[in-house]
Amino acid sequence: MRKFLILLGLLVVIGLAGLWWLGTKAEQGKPAPGEIRIEVEDVV
């Protein structure tokens, strides 16, 4: 039981770290103020 709880806690920490990392990547991808991005559909 103790190993299970340690593994579960470790997975939660890794999941939160992954979400934080994705959040920082999304912040970096935002366009600058005044920059216009055009979405292109049906490229493939």
PDB file of N, CA and C in Angstrom:
ATOM      1  N   MET A   1       0.830  -1.198   0.000  1.00  0.00           N
ATOM      2  CA  MET A   1       0.000   0.000   0.000  1.00  0.00           C
ATOM      3  C   MET A   1       0.871   1.257   0.000  1.00  0.00           C
ATOM      4  N   ARG A   2       1.953   1.221   0.751  1.00  0.00           N
ATOM      5  CA  ARG A   2       2.821   2.394   0.850  1.00  0.00           C
ATOM      6  C   ARG A   2       3.486   2.698  -0.494  1.00  0.00           C
ATOM      7  N   LYS A   3       3.930   1.636  -1.199  1.00  0.00           N
ATOM      8  CA  LYS A   3       4.547   1.830  -2.514  1.00  0.00           C
ATOM      9  C   LYS A   3       3.540   2.424  -3.495  1.00  0.00           C
ATOM     10  N   PHE A   4       2.302   1.965  -3.399  1.00  0.00           N
ATOM     11  CA  PHE A   4       1.256   2.475  -4.279  1.00  0.00           C
ATOM     12  C   PHE A   4       1.033   3.970  -4.061  1.00  0.00           C
ATOM     13  N   LEU A   5       0.993   4.396  -2.809  1.00  0.00           N
ATOM     14  CA  LEU A   5       0.781   5.814  -2.509  1.00  0.00           C
ATOM     15  C   LEU A   5       1.964   6.666  -2.961  1.00  0.00           C
ATOM     16  N   ILE A   6       3.176   6.140  -2.800  1.00  0.00           N
ATOM     17  CA  ILE A   6       4.359   6.867  -3.263  1.00  0.00           C
ATOM     18  C   ILE A   6       4.323   7.001  -4.782  1.00  0.00           C
ATOM     19  N   LEU A   7       3.975   5.926  -5.477  1.00  0.00           N
ATOM     20  CA  LEU A   7       3.879   5.958  -6.936  1.00  0.00           C
ATOM     21  C   LEU A   7       2.785   6.922  -7.387  1.00  0.00           C
ATOM     22  N   LEU A   8       1.662   6.901  -6.710  1.00  0.00           N
ATOM     23  CA  LEU A   8       0.566   7.807  -7.046  1.00  0.00           C
ATOM     24  C   LEU A   8       0.979   9.264  -6.844  1.00  0.00           C
ATOM     25  N   GLY A   9       1.643   9.555  -5.733  1.00  0.00           N
ATOM     26  CA  GLY A   9       2.122  10.914  -5.477  1.00  0.00           C
ATOM     27  C   GLY A   9       3.132  11.358  -6.517  1.00  0.00           C
ATOM     28  N   LEU A  10       4.006  10.452  -6.914  1.00  0.00           N
ATOM     29  CA  LEU A  10       5.001  10.768  -7.935  1.00  0.00           C
ATOM     30  C   LEU A  10       4.336  11.074  -9.271  1.00  0.00           C
ATOM     31  N   LEU A  11       3.323  10.293  -9.629  1.00  0.00           N
ATOM     32  CA  LEU A  11       2.602  10.540 -10.877  1.00  0.00           C
ATOM     33  C   LEU A  11       1.872  11.885 -10.848  1.00  0.00           C
ATOM     34  N   VAL A  12       1.320  12.248  -9.708  1.00  0.00           N
ATOM     35  CA  VAL A  12       0.637  13.536  -9.576  1.00  0.00           C
ATOM     36  C   VAL A  12       1.630  14.677  -9.760  1.00  0.00           C
ATOM     37  N   VAL A  13       2.796  14.563  -9.136  1.00  0.00           N
ATOM     38  CA  VAL A  13       3.814  15.609  -9.259  1.00  0.00           C
ATOM     39  C   VAL A  13       4.287  15.722 -10.705  1.00  0.00           C
ATOM     40  N   ILE A  14       4.515  14.592 -11.365  1.00  0.00           N
ATOM     41  CA  ILE A  14       4.949  14.612 -12.766  1.00  0.00           C
ATOM     42  C   ILE A  14       3.855  15.217 -13.650  1.00  0.00           C
ATOM     43  N   GLY A  15       2.603  14.887 -13.373  1.00  0.00           N
ATOM     44  CA  GLY A  15       1.494  15.452 -14.145  1.00  0.00           C
ATOM     45  C   GLY A  15       1.389  16.959 -13.980  1.00  0.00           C
ATOM     46  N   LEU A  16       1.533  17.442 -12.756  1.00  0.00           N
ATOM     47  CA  LEU A  16       1.480  18.888 -12.523  1.00  0.00           C
ATOM     48  C   LEU A  16       2.652  19.598 -13.184  1.00  0.00           C
ATOM     49  N   ALA A  17       3.829  18.982 -13.137  1.00  0.00           N
ATOM     50  CA  ALA A  17       4.999  19.576 -13.793  1.00  0.00           C
ATOM     51  C   ALA A  17       4.788  19.630 -15.302  1.00  0.00           C
ATOM     52  N   GLY A  18       4.179  18.601 -15.867  1.00  0.00           N
ATOM     53  CA  GLY A  18       3.885  18.584 -17.298  1.00  0.00           C
ATOM     54  C   GLY A  18       2.896  19.672 -17.685  1.00  0.00           C
ATOM     55  N   LEU A  19       1.870  19.865 -16.875  1.00  0.00           N
ATOM     56  CA  LEU A  19       0.897  20.925 -17.155  1.00  0.00           C
ATOM     57  C   LEU A  19       1.537  22.305 -17.056  1.00  0.00           C
ATOM     58  N   TRP A  20       2.410  22.489 -16.079  1.00  0.00           N
ATOM     59  CA  TRP A  20       3.114  23.770 -15.931  1.00  0.00           C
ATOM     60  C   TRP A  20       3.987  24.025 -17.150  1.00  0.00           C
ATOM     61  N   TRP A  21       4.686  22.992 -17.624  1.00  0.00           N
ATOM     62  CA  TRP A  21       5.564  23.129 -18.789  1.00  0.00           C
ATOM     63  C   TRP A  21       4.745  23.483 -20.036  1.00  0.00           C
ATOM     64  N   LEU A  22       3.614  22.822 -20.217  1.00  0.00           N
ATOM     65  CA  LEU A  22       2.761  23.135 -21.365  1.00  0.00           C
ATOM     66  C   LEU A  22       2.227  24.562 -21.277  1.00  0.00           C
ATOM     67  N   GLY A  23       1.914  25.011 -20.067  1.00  0.00           N
ATOM     68  CA  GLY A  23       1.437  26.382 -19.886  1.00  0.00           C
ATOM     69  C   GLY A  23       2.486  27.407 -20.261  1.00  0.00           C
ATOM     70  N   THR A  24       3.741  27.148 -19.916  1.00  0.00           N
ATOM     71  CA  THR A  24       4.803  28.096 -20.281  1.00  0.00           C
ATOM     72  C   THR A  24       5.031  28.083 -21.782  1.00  0.00           C
ATOM     73  N   LYS A  25       4.902  26.931 -22.421  1.00  0.00           N
ATOM     74  CA  LYS A  25       5.050  26.856 -23.880  1.00  0.00           C
ATOM     75  C   LYS A  25       3.927  27.635 -24.566  1.00  0.00           C
ATOM     76  N   ALA A  26       2.720  27.556 -24.040  1.00  0.00           N
ATOM     77  CA  ALA A  26       1.592  28.271 -24.631  1.00  0.00           C
ATOM     78  C   ALA A  26       1.780  29.779 -24.486  1.00  0.00           C
ATOM     79  N   GLU A  27       2.321  30.221 -23.359  1.00  0.00           N
ATOM     80  CA  GLU A  27       2.571  31.651 -23.150  1.00  0.00           C
ATOM     81  C   GLU A  27       3.589  32.178 -24.152  1.00  0.00           C
ATOM     82  N   GLN A  28       4.608  31.385 -24.456  1.00  0.00           N
ATOM     83  CA  GLN A  28       5.648  31.811 -25.389  1.00  0.00           C
ATOM     84  C   GLN A  28       5.111  31.890 -26.812  1.00  0.00           C
ATOM     85  N   GLY A  29       4.078  31.121 -27.125  1.00  0.00           N
ATOM     86  CA  GLY A  29       3.553  31.078 -28.481  1.00  0.00           C
ATOM     87  C   GLY A  29       2.538  32.164 -28.790  1.00  0.00           C
ATOM     88  N   LYS A  30       2.197  32.983 -27.799  1.00  0.00           N
ATOM     89  CA  LYS A  30       1.207  34.032 -28.032  1.00  0.00           C
ATOM     90  C   LYS A  30       1.785  35.106 -28.943  1.00  0.00           C
ATOM     91  N   PRO A  31       0.969  35.659 -29.837  1.00  0.00           N
ATOM     92  CA  PRO A  31       1.469  36.735 -30.704  1.00  0.00           C
ATOM     93  C   PRO A  31       1.719  38.014 -29.914  1.00  0.00           C
ATOM     94  N   ALA A  32       2.653  38.798 -30.405  1.00  0.00           N
ATOM     95  CA  ALA A  32       2.967  40.078 -29.770  1.00  0.00           C
ATOM     96  C   ALA A  32       1.794  41.037 -29.970  1.00  0.00           C
ATOM     97  N   PRO A  33       1.660  42.042 -29.121  1.00  0.00           N
ATOM     98  CA  PRO A  33       0.581  43.022 -29.305  1.00  0.00           C
ATOM     99  C   PRO A  33       0.689  43.687 -30.681  1.00  0.00           C
ATOM    100  N   GLY A  34      -0.406  43.676 -31.417  1.00  0.00           N
ATOM    101  CA  GLY A  34      -0.422  44.271 -32.749  1.00  0.00           C
ATOM    102  C   GLY A  34      -0.103  43.284 -33.853  1.00  0.00           C
ATOM    103  N   GLU A  35       0.393  42.119 -33.502  1.00  0.00           N
ATOM    104  CA  GLU A  35       0.715  41.111 -34.513  1.00  0.00           C
ATOM    105  C   GLU A  35      -0.558  40.372 -34.897  1.00  0.00           C
ATOM    106  N   ILE A  36      -0.739  40.158 -36.182  1.00  0.00           N
ATOM    107  CA  ILE A  36      -1.932  39.477 -36.677  1.00  0.00           C
ATOM    108  C   ILE A  36      -1.516  38.121 -37.234  1.00  0.00           C
ATOM    109  N   ARG A  37      -2.197  37.091 -36.787  1.00  0.00           N
ATOM    110  CA  ARG A  37      -1.942  35.750 -37.312  1.00  0.00           C
ATOM    111  C   ARG A  37      -3.179  35.274 -38.042  1.00  0.00           C
ATOM    112  N   ILE A  38      -2.965  34.741 -39.219  1.00  0.00           N
ATOM    113  CA  ILE A  38      -4.065  34.240 -40.029  1.00  0.00           C
ATOM    114  C   ILE A  38      -4.046  32.718 -39.961  1.00  0.00           C
ATOM    115  N   GLU A  39      -5.167  32.133 -39.567  1.00  0.00           N
ATOM    116  CA  GLU A  39      -5.253  30.679 -39.518  1.00  0.00           C
ATOM    117  C   GLU A  39      -5.547  30.152 -40.915  1.00  0.00           C
ATOM    118  N   VAL A  40      -4.792  29.151 -41.314  1.00  0.00           N
ATOM    119  CA  VAL A  40      -4.962  28.548 -42.632  1.00  0.00           C
ATOM    120  C   VAL A  40      -5.657  27.208 -42.446  1.00  0.00           C
ATOM    121  N   GLU A  41      -6.738  27.011 -43.185  1.00  0.00           N
ATOM    122  CA  GLU A  41      -7.498  25.770 -43.061  1.00  0.00           C
ATOM    123  C   GLU A  41      -7.251  24.876 -44.269  1.00  0.00           C
ATOM    124  N   ASP A  42      -7.446  23.598 -44.096  1.00  0.00           N
ATOM    125  CA  ASP A  42      -7.340  22.590 -45.159  1.00  0.00           C
ATOM    126  C   ASP A  42      -5.993  22.636 -45.864  1.00  0.00           C
ATOM    127  N   VAL A  43      -4.925  22.627 -45.095  1.00  0.00           N
ATOM    128  CA  VAL A  43      -3.586  22.650 -45.684  1.00  0.00           C
ATOM    129  C   VAL A  43      -3.194  21.262 -46.149  1.00  0.00           C
ATOM    130  N   VAL A  44      -3.547  20.269 -45.358  1.00  0.00           N
ATOM    131  CA  VAL A  44      -3.127  18.905 -45.692  1.00  0.00           C
ATOM    132  C   VAL A  44      -4.136  18.273 -46.616  1.00  0.00           C
TER     133      VAL A  44
END
